[in-house]
Amino acid sequence: MNLFDYFGDINAFGAGPDARAQSLLDAKLITPEAMASANKRSIGTGIMTGIASYLAQPKNQNYGSVVPYLGKAYLNANQAAQAPFQGMTDKYLMDTKIAENKKALALEEQNKKYKNDLLADPRVQADPLLRQAALTDPVKVYEVLNKPPVKVSNSERLAILMTMDEDPNQELTKGQKAEMKVRKQIASVSSPSGLTFGQSNLPPAGDGYYYPKDPKTGEPLLKDGAPYVLPVQGTAEDLKRIKEDKKEKVGKDSKASIAATVIVDAQRALDLIDEDRTTTGLDAWAFRQVPSTKAYALDQMVKSIQANIGIDKLLDIKASGAGLGQVPQAQLEMLASVLGQLNTAQDYDTVRFNVDRVLTIYKEIVLLAGGDEALTAAIKQSKETPERRRLDSITETRSQEDQALLDEYSE
């Protein structure tokens, strides 16, 4: 029978799992068998240390009893018996760190190969964004560059065929001529305007297009103060416009979702850091792998930030056609640099400064991409989190205590 059964969480030498070991056991990161093995080593160590300590003591203190000598021996045994439990925790943390380092080295080696290949690719050399992305996430750049080509629209294909037909150095095949004839028929809806705007006649809308008009007055409808054209319903251009509208909506929705998540997570991280400084530094390194700890929560928030606003997400949005607005290249490069510095094991001031920089940079990007409304909504959401409520409660309590102290000394 295990001696824990007699003494609860400690053995006969008063040794047992400390808070770190108990947290690992509760999270099932170490097994009860491993804990039992540590206990056996603890008992063995305690016995040997106790015997050696008792024998090594000079018995010339004239205590009149053997009890004080036994007491000293037991205290030494107690201290030695705790070592196996501490060693088990240290071993787990070291094994975890080694595994993380091995994984990081393998990923670094793979990314290095991809990066070297990409930097020699003419397509990457010609695009500043892809060049920057190749340095930070070469795997994603490969995905973007190898994306299947988009099928050309009817009007684009017709333009290619007509250009070939006009080229004296080329001759269309029978199949290409038939294809051109059919595509001309599809895009042959003619919409001359016959309309005026102000003092000028509007030019023809072009094949396959028309000016939308007010059904009551017959006047052309305006957009941004001027008439506009639309593709005739059912033509290839109309279908293309519908598809692009859907793609733009999906891109905007995705962009808004990413923006809100990043700003909320960054603000939550700052609030959690301000609430408890042990979420950073050496404590964070030791406990960020242990669920239910604040260090673990902060580490997960930082990983969410990196996943949502990394260069890979910027490339996803670019590839979808939605775009990120006119985001300056310098902002993207700064963002990529800061993302690489997010590590909760750094000291409090460094972690907080880096998270705050990410939040500031991304607020500027969201403002450029989605405007004031998107930024205001994201910031509002970031102020309605459990971390903010706890921090406000702590701040209010401290203010009340400070006021009570001032009142006491002002009397």
Protein backbone atom coordinates (compact mmCIF):
# COMPACT_ATOMS: atom_id res chain seq x y z
CA MET A 1 0.00 0.00 0.00
CA ASN A 2 1.28 3.49 -0.88
CA LEU A 3 2.35 5.55 2.13
CA PHE A 4 0.28 8.41 0.67
CA ASP A 5 -2.73 6.37 1.80
CA TYR A 6 -1.68 6.94 5.42
CA PHE A 7 -0.48 10.53 5.31
CA GLY A 8 -2.60 12.14 2.54
CA ASP A 9 -0.49 14.30 0.22
CA ILE A 10 2.76 13.69 2.13
CA ASN A 11 4.76 10.60 3.00
CA ALA A 12 6.32 9.54 6.31
CA PHE A 13 9.17 12.04 5.85
CA GLY A 14 6.79 14.96 5.39
CA ALA A 15 7.60 15.23 1.67
CA GLY A 16 5.04 15.48 -1.11
CA PRO A 17 4.23 17.12 -4.43
CA ASP A 18 4.60 20.90 -4.43
CA ALA A 19 2.10 23.23 -6.16
CA ARG A 20 3.82 22.88 -9.54
CA ALA A 21 3.82 19.06 -9.42
CA GLN A 22 0.18 19.01 -8.26
CA SER A 23 -0.83 21.33 -11.13
CA LEU A 24 0.85 19.02 -13.64
CA LEU A 25 -0.88 16.01 -12.11
CA ASP A 26 -4.31 17.72 -12.10
CA ALA A 27 -3.83 18.65 -15.75
CA LYS A 28 -2.90 15.00 -16.53
CA LEU A 29 0.47 16.10 -17.88
CA ILE A 30 2.14 13.61 -15.56
CA THR A 31 0.65 10.27 -14.47
CA PRO A 32 -0.23 9.01 -11.00
CA GLU A 33 2.29 6.22 -11.63
CA ALA A 34 5.04 8.82 -12.10
CA MET A 35 3.99 10.48 -8.85
CA ALA A 36 4.04 7.12 -7.04
CA SER A 37 7.52 6.43 -8.43
CA ALA A 38 8.71 9.81 -7.16
CA ASN A 39 7.24 8.96 -3.76
CA LYS A 40 9.19 5.67 -3.62
CA ARG A 41 12.40 7.52 -4.45
CA SER A 42 11.51 10.12 -1.83
CA ILE A 43 11.06 7.47 0.88
CA GLY A 44 14.31 5.73 -0.09
CA THR A 45 16.18 9.03 -0.11
CA GLY A 46 14.68 9.97 3.25
CA ILE A 47 15.65 6.68 4.86
CA MET A 48 19.23 6.77 3.61
CA THR A 49 19.67 10.47 4.45
CA GLY A 50 18.12 10.05 7.91
CA ILE A 51 20.36 7.10 8.81
CA ALA A 52 23.49 8.82 7.46
CA SER A 53 22.62 12.06 9.24
CA TYR A 54 22.05 10.30 12.56
CA LEU A 55 25.29 8.33 12.33
CA ALA A 56 27.31 11.38 11.28
CA GLN A 57 26.23 13.50 14.26
CA PRO A 58 28.64 13.64 17.23
CA LYS A 59 26.83 12.37 20.34
CA ASN A 60 28.61 14.70 22.74
CA GLN A 61 25.94 17.37 23.17
CA ASN A 62 24.81 16.03 26.56
CA TYR A 63 21.14 16.20 25.61
CA GLY A 64 20.37 13.40 27.98
CA SER A 65 18.20 11.77 25.31
CA VAL A 66 18.50 10.35 21.81
CA VAL A 67 15.43 12.32 20.64
CA PRO A 68 17.24 15.58 19.60
CA TYR A 69 19.69 13.58 17.48
CA LEU A 70 16.81 11.75 15.84
CA GLY A 71 15.03 15.09 15.28
CA LYS A 72 18.00 16.58 13.43
CA ALA A 73 18.31 13.43 11.35
CA TYR A 74 14.58 13.61 10.50
CA LEU A 75 14.82 17.27 9.41
CA ASN A 76 17.69 16.43 7.07
CA ALA A 77 15.72 13.44 5.78
CA ASN A 78 12.68 15.65 5.17
CA GLN A 79 14.68 18.10 3.08
CA ALA A 80 16.30 15.34 1.03
CA ALA A 81 12.99 13.49 0.53
CA GLN A 82 11.44 16.52 -1.19
CA ALA A 83 14.06 16.47 -3.98
CA PRO A 84 12.46 13.67 -6.11
CA PHE A 85 9.19 15.62 -6.37
CA GLN A 86 10.99 18.81 -7.38
CA GLY A 87 13.14 16.86 -9.82
CA MET A 88 10.05 15.35 -11.47
CA THR A 89 8.59 18.82 -12.12
CA ASP A 90 11.90 20.18 -13.39
CA LYS A 91 12.31 17.17 -15.70
CA TYR A 92 8.85 17.68 -17.22
CA LEU A 93 9.50 21.38 -17.86
CA MET A 94 12.91 20.62 -19.35
CA ASP A 95 11.51 17.82 -21.56
CA THR A 96 8.79 20.19 -22.77
CA LYS A 97 11.36 22.87 -23.58
CA ILE A 98 13.57 20.37 -25.44
CA ALA A 99 10.59 19.14 -27.49
CA GLU A 100 9.66 22.73 -28.36
CA ASN A 101 13.23 23.48 -29.40
CA LYS A 102 13.44 20.36 -31.60
CA LYS A 103 10.18 21.26 -33.29
CA ALA A 104 11.33 24.85 -33.79
CA LEU A 105 14.66 23.72 -35.28
CA ALA A 106 12.96 21.34 -37.72
CA LEU A 107 10.53 24.07 -38.79
CA GLU A 108 13.38 26.56 -39.10
CA GLU A 109 15.31 24.17 -41.37
CA GLN A 110 12.26 23.58 -43.56
CA ASN A 111 11.47 27.30 -43.78
CA LYS A 112 15.10 28.06 -44.64
CA LYS A 113 14.90 25.78 -47.69
CA TYR A 114 11.59 27.28 -48.80
CA LYS A 115 12.90 30.81 -48.22
CA ASN A 116 16.02 30.29 -50.34
CA ASP A 117 13.95 28.86 -53.22
CA LEU A 118 11.39 31.66 -53.02
CA LEU A 119 13.88 34.51 -52.93
CA ALA A 120 15.23 33.23 -56.25
CA ASP A 121 11.74 33.16 -57.80
CA PRO A 122 11.16 36.11 -60.21
CA ARG A 123 7.54 36.44 -59.03
CA VAL A 124 8.69 37.00 -55.45
CA GLN A 125 11.47 39.36 -56.46
CA ALA A 126 8.94 41.55 -58.30
CA ASP A 127 6.48 41.81 -55.38
CA PRO A 128 7.56 43.64 -52.15
CA LEU A 129 4.81 42.00 -50.07
CA LEU A 130 5.72 38.51 -51.23
CA ARG A 131 9.40 39.23 -50.57
CA GLN A 132 8.64 40.23 -46.98
CA ALA A 133 6.30 37.27 -46.55
CA ALA A 134 8.94 34.87 -47.91
CA LEU A 135 11.17 35.86 -45.00
CA THR A 136 8.51 35.26 -42.33
CA ASP A 137 6.20 32.54 -43.71
CA PRO A 138 7.63 30.90 -46.84
CA VAL A 139 5.20 27.95 -46.64
CA LYS A 140 2.20 30.23 -47.09
CA VAL A 141 3.86 32.02 -49.98
CA TYR A 142 4.19 28.67 -51.76
CA GLU A 143 0.44 28.14 -51.29
CA VAL A 144 -0.35 31.55 -52.72
CA LEU A 145 1.96 31.16 -55.74
CA ASN A 146 0.69 27.67 -56.53
CA LYS A 147 -2.98 28.58 -56.28
CA PRO A 148 -4.94 27.23 -59.29
CA PRO A 149 -5.41 29.86 -62.01
CA VAL A 150 -8.72 31.69 -62.09
CA LYS A 151 -10.91 30.91 -65.07
CA VAL A 152 -11.08 33.90 -67.44
CA SER A 153 -14.41 35.57 -68.06
CA ASN A 154 -16.22 35.59 -71.39
CA SER A 155 -15.17 39.16 -72.20
CA GLU A 156 -11.52 38.45 -71.32
CA ARG A 157 -11.43 35.33 -73.48
CA LEU A 158 -13.16 37.19 -76.33
CA ALA A 159 -10.57 39.97 -76.12
CA ILE A 160 -7.78 37.39 -76.40
CA LEU A 161 -9.35 35.73 -79.44
CA MET A 162 -10.04 39.05 -81.21
CA THR A 163 -6.46 40.19 -80.56
CA MET A 164 -5.13 36.95 -82.04
CA ASP A 165 -7.43 37.34 -85.05
CA GLU A 166 -6.11 40.85 -85.76
CA ASP A 167 -2.49 39.74 -85.48
CA PRO A 168 -1.16 39.06 -89.03
CA ASN A 169 1.38 36.65 -87.59
CA GLN A 170 -1.30 34.41 -86.09
CA GLU A 171 -4.15 32.44 -87.59
CA LEU A 172 -7.12 31.16 -85.64
CA THR A 173 -8.06 27.52 -85.92
CA LYS A 174 -11.61 26.55 -86.94
CA GLY A 175 -12.39 25.80 -83.32
CA GLN A 176 -11.10 29.19 -82.16
CA LYS A 177 -13.10 31.00 -84.85
CA ALA A 178 -16.26 29.18 -83.80
CA GLU A 179 -15.56 30.00 -80.18
CA MET A 180 -15.05 33.69 -81.01
CA LYS A 181 -18.34 33.80 -82.93
CA VAL A 182 -20.29 32.30 -80.01
CA ARG A 183 -18.65 34.60 -77.48
CA LYS A 184 -19.48 37.63 -79.63
CA GLN A 185 -23.11 36.57 -79.64
CA ILE A 186 -23.13 36.26 -75.87
CA ALA A 187 -21.67 39.75 -75.41
CA SER A 188 -23.54 41.37 -78.30
CA VAL A 189 -26.28 43.10 -76.28
CA SER A 190 -25.93 46.68 -77.44
CA SER A 191 -27.03 49.57 -75.24
CA PRO A 192 -26.59 52.98 -76.88
CA SER A 193 -27.57 55.58 -74.31
CA GLY A 194 -29.52 58.35 -76.07
CA LEU A 195 -29.36 60.06 -72.68
CA THR A 196 -28.05 63.38 -71.52
CA PHE A 197 -26.55 64.48 -68.24
CA GLY A 198 -26.18 68.16 -67.59
CA GLN A 199 -25.39 69.79 -70.94
CA SER A 200 -23.68 66.75 -72.49
CA ASN A 201 -24.81 63.63 -74.30
CA LEU A 202 -23.81 60.44 -72.55
CA PRO A 203 -21.59 58.14 -74.62
CA PRO A 204 -22.89 54.68 -75.57
CA ALA A 205 -22.84 52.28 -72.67
CA GLY A 206 -20.97 49.67 -74.71
CA ASP A 207 -21.82 46.17 -75.80
CA GLY A 208 -23.42 44.22 -73.00
CA TYR A 209 -23.93 47.27 -70.76
CA TYR A 210 -26.69 49.80 -70.05
CA TYR A 211 -27.38 52.94 -68.03
CA PRO A 212 -29.86 52.20 -65.23
CA LYS A 213 -32.70 54.78 -65.30
CA ASP A 214 -35.32 56.07 -62.91
CA PRO A 215 -38.55 54.28 -64.04
CA LYS A 216 -40.66 57.42 -63.36
CA THR A 217 -38.54 60.18 -64.89
CA GLY A 218 -36.41 58.21 -67.33
CA GLU A 219 -33.34 60.05 -66.03
CA PRO A 220 -30.12 58.07 -65.49
CA LEU A 221 -29.49 56.97 -61.93
CA LEU A 222 -26.41 58.50 -60.27
CA LYS A 223 -23.58 57.06 -58.20
CA ASP A 224 -21.15 59.51 -56.59
CA GLY A 225 -22.91 62.28 -58.54
CA ALA A 226 -22.50 60.73 -62.00
CA PRO A 227 -24.32 58.21 -64.23
CA TYR A 228 -22.96 54.69 -64.26
CA VAL A 229 -23.30 51.54 -66.33
CA LEU A 230 -24.20 47.97 -65.41
CA PRO A 231 -23.77 44.74 -67.38
CA VAL A 232 -26.94 43.42 -68.99
CA GLN A 233 -28.51 40.69 -66.87
CA GLY A 234 -27.45 37.21 -67.90
CA THR A 235 -24.30 38.21 -69.78
CA ALA A 236 -20.87 36.96 -68.79
CA GLU A 237 -19.99 40.38 -67.35
CA ASP A 238 -23.12 40.32 -65.19
CA LEU A 239 -22.25 36.89 -63.82
CA LYS A 240 -18.70 38.04 -63.22
CA ARG A 241 -19.94 41.10 -61.31
CA ILE A 242 -22.19 38.94 -59.10
CA LYS A 243 -19.30 36.61 -58.36
CA GLU A 244 -16.98 39.50 -57.50
CA ASP A 245 -19.62 41.09 -55.24
CA LYS A 246 -19.94 37.82 -53.33
CA LYS A 247 -16.17 37.44 -53.08
CA GLU A 248 -15.81 41.02 -51.85
CA LYS A 249 -18.46 40.46 -49.17
CA VAL A 250 -16.76 37.27 -48.00
CA GLY A 251 -13.41 39.08 -47.92
CA LYS A 252 -14.81 41.98 -45.92
CA ASP A 253 -16.56 39.69 -43.45
CA SER A 254 -13.35 37.69 -42.98
CA LYS A 255 -11.33 40.87 -42.58
CA ALA A 256 -13.75 42.26 -39.99
CA SER A 257 -13.70 39.01 -38.04
CA ILE A 258 -9.90 38.87 -38.01
CA ALA A 259 -9.71 42.54 -37.00
CA ALA A 260 -12.08 42.13 -34.06
CA THR A 261 -10.35 38.96 -32.85
CA VAL A 262 -6.88 40.51 -32.96
CA ILE A 263 -7.81 43.74 -31.18
CA VAL A 264 -9.85 41.90 -28.53
CA ASP A 265 -7.09 39.33 -27.88
CA ALA A 266 -4.38 42.01 -27.74
CA GLN A 267 -6.38 44.11 -25.26
CA ARG A 268 -7.22 41.00 -23.20
CA ALA A 269 -3.52 40.15 -23.10
CA LEU A 270 -2.62 43.66 -21.89
CA ASP A 271 -5.30 43.54 -19.20
CA LEU A 272 -4.14 40.11 -18.02
CA ILE A 273 -0.50 41.27 -17.90
CA ASP A 274 -1.51 44.32 -15.84
CA GLU A 275 -3.62 42.16 -13.55
CA ASP A 276 -0.89 39.59 -12.83
CA ARG A 277 2.79 40.11 -13.65
CA THR A 278 3.55 36.42 -13.09
CA THR A 279 2.02 35.77 -16.51
CA THR A 280 5.37 36.89 -17.97
CA GLY A 281 9.01 36.05 -17.40
CA LEU A 282 10.37 32.91 -15.73
CA ASP A 283 7.01 32.08 -14.12
CA ALA A 284 5.36 32.18 -17.55
CA TRP A 285 8.04 29.90 -19.00
CA ALA A 286 7.36 27.35 -16.25
CA PHE A 287 3.55 27.42 -16.25
CA ARG A 288 2.39 28.43 -19.74
CA GLN A 289 2.02 24.71 -20.59
CA VAL A 290 -0.23 24.10 -17.57
CA PRO A 291 -3.95 24.60 -18.33
CA SER A 292 -6.10 26.75 -16.02
CA THR A 293 -3.15 29.01 -15.11
CA LYS A 294 -3.07 32.68 -16.09
CA ALA A 295 0.30 32.13 -17.77
CA TYR A 296 -1.35 29.49 -19.97
CA ALA A 297 -4.23 31.87 -20.78
CA LEU A 298 -1.84 34.67 -21.80
CA ASP A 299 0.23 32.29 -23.95
CA GLN A 300 -2.94 31.17 -25.78
CA MET A 301 -3.96 34.78 -26.41
CA VAL A 302 -0.53 35.58 -27.86
CA LYS A 303 -0.73 32.52 -30.12
CA SER A 304 -4.19 33.64 -31.28
CA ILE A 305 -2.78 37.08 -32.13
CA GLN A 306 0.04 35.52 -34.14
CA ALA A 307 -2.33 33.16 -35.96
CA ASN A 308 -4.81 35.87 -36.92
CA ILE A 309 -2.59 38.72 -38.05
CA GLY A 310 0.48 36.90 -39.29
CA ILE A 311 1.66 37.52 -42.81
CA ASP A 312 -0.17 34.33 -43.81
CA LYS A 313 -3.52 35.99 -43.10
CA LEU A 314 -2.53 39.10 -45.04
CA LEU A 315 -1.65 36.87 -47.97
CA ASP A 316 -4.96 34.99 -47.64
CA ILE A 317 -6.87 38.25 -47.91
CA LYS A 318 -4.71 39.44 -50.80
CA ALA A 319 -5.20 36.14 -52.66
CA SER A 320 -8.99 36.27 -52.14
CA GLY A 321 -9.13 39.58 -53.97
CA ALA A 322 -10.60 41.43 -51.01
CA GLY A 323 -7.43 43.34 -50.25
CA LEU A 324 -6.51 45.18 -47.09
CA GLY A 325 -6.99 48.65 -48.45
CA GLN A 326 -4.00 50.89 -49.05
CA VAL A 327 -1.91 49.46 -46.20
CA PRO A 328 1.63 50.94 -46.39
CA GLN A 329 4.40 48.41 -46.95
CA ALA A 330 6.26 49.83 -43.94
CA GLN A 331 3.31 48.91 -41.69
CA LEU A 332 3.32 45.32 -42.94
CA GLU A 333 7.07 44.98 -42.41
CA MET A 334 6.82 46.47 -38.90
CA LEU A 335 3.95 44.12 -38.06
CA ALA A 336 5.89 41.07 -39.25
CA SER A 337 8.87 42.13 -37.14
CA VAL A 338 6.84 42.68 -33.98
CA LEU A 339 5.00 39.36 -34.36
CA GLY A 340 8.33 37.55 -34.26
CA GLN A 341 9.10 39.12 -30.87
CA LEU A 342 5.97 37.97 -29.03
CA ASN A 343 7.14 35.56 -26.32
CA THR A 344 5.56 35.50 -22.86
CA ALA A 345 8.77 34.17 -21.30
CA GLN A 346 10.35 37.61 -21.76
CA ASP A 347 10.23 40.10 -18.87
CA TYR A 348 7.05 42.04 -18.02
CA ASP A 349 8.06 45.36 -19.61
CA THR A 350 9.18 43.73 -22.88
CA VAL A 351 6.07 41.55 -23.27
CA ARG A 352 3.71 44.42 -22.51
CA PHE A 353 5.53 46.80 -24.85
CA ASN A 354 5.45 44.29 -27.74
CA VAL A 355 1.75 43.44 -27.30
CA ASP A 356 0.90 47.14 -27.10
CA ARG A 357 2.86 47.77 -30.34
CA VAL A 358 0.88 45.03 -32.11
CA LEU A 359 -2.38 46.55 -30.87
CA THR A 360 -1.37 50.06 -32.06
CA ILE A 361 -0.19 48.86 -35.48
CA TYR A 362 -3.28 46.77 -36.07
CA LYS A 363 -5.63 49.57 -35.05
CA GLU A 364 -4.04 51.67 -37.81
CA ILE A 365 -4.40 48.82 -40.32
CA VAL A 366 -8.05 48.26 -39.39
CA LEU A 367 -8.73 51.99 -39.66
CA LEU A 368 -7.29 52.00 -43.20
CA ALA A 369 -9.04 48.78 -44.19
CA GLY A 370 -12.47 49.11 -42.58
CA GLY A 371 -12.82 52.71 -41.45
CA ASP A 372 -13.92 54.26 -38.14
CA GLU A 373 -16.96 52.01 -37.76
CA ALA A 374 -14.95 48.77 -37.88
CA LEU A 375 -12.33 50.11 -35.48
CA THR A 376 -14.91 51.46 -33.01
CA ALA A 377 -16.77 48.13 -32.95
CA ALA A 378 -13.59 46.15 -32.33
CA ILE A 379 -12.41 48.47 -29.54
CA LYS A 380 -15.84 48.34 -27.87
CA GLN A 381 -15.74 44.55 -27.89
CA SER A 382 -12.22 44.58 -26.40
CA LYS A 383 -13.51 46.53 -23.37
CA GLU A 384 -16.20 43.92 -22.56
CA THR A 385 -14.04 40.97 -21.53
CA PRO A 386 -13.60 39.01 -18.27
CA GLU A 387 -10.03 40.31 -18.02
CA ARG A 388 -11.18 43.93 -18.23
CA ARG A 389 -13.91 43.36 -15.62
CA ARG A 390 -11.42 41.80 -13.20
CA LEU A 391 -8.87 44.56 -13.78
CA ASP A 392 -11.52 47.28 -13.26
CA SER A 393 -12.59 45.56 -10.04
CA ILE A 394 -8.98 45.41 -8.77
CA THR A 395 -8.41 49.07 -9.71
CA GLU A 396 -11.62 50.14 -7.96
CA THR A 397 -10.69 48.19 -4.81
CA ARG A 398 -7.22 49.76 -4.73
CA SER A 399 -8.70 53.24 -5.19
CA GLN A 400 -11.08 52.68 -2.30
CA GLU A 401 -8.24 51.45 -0.09
CA ASP A 402 -6.10 54.46 -1.03
CA GLN A 403 -8.99 56.83 -0.28
CA ALA A 404 -9.64 55.13 3.05
CA LEU A 405 -5.97 55.53 3.95
CA LEU A 406 -6.02 59.22 2.99
CA ASP A 407 -9.19 59.76 5.02
CA GLU A 408 -7.63 58.05 8.03
CA TYR A 409 -4.51 60.26 8.01
CA SER A 410 -6.41 63.46 7.21
CA GLU A 411 -8.50 63.27 10.38
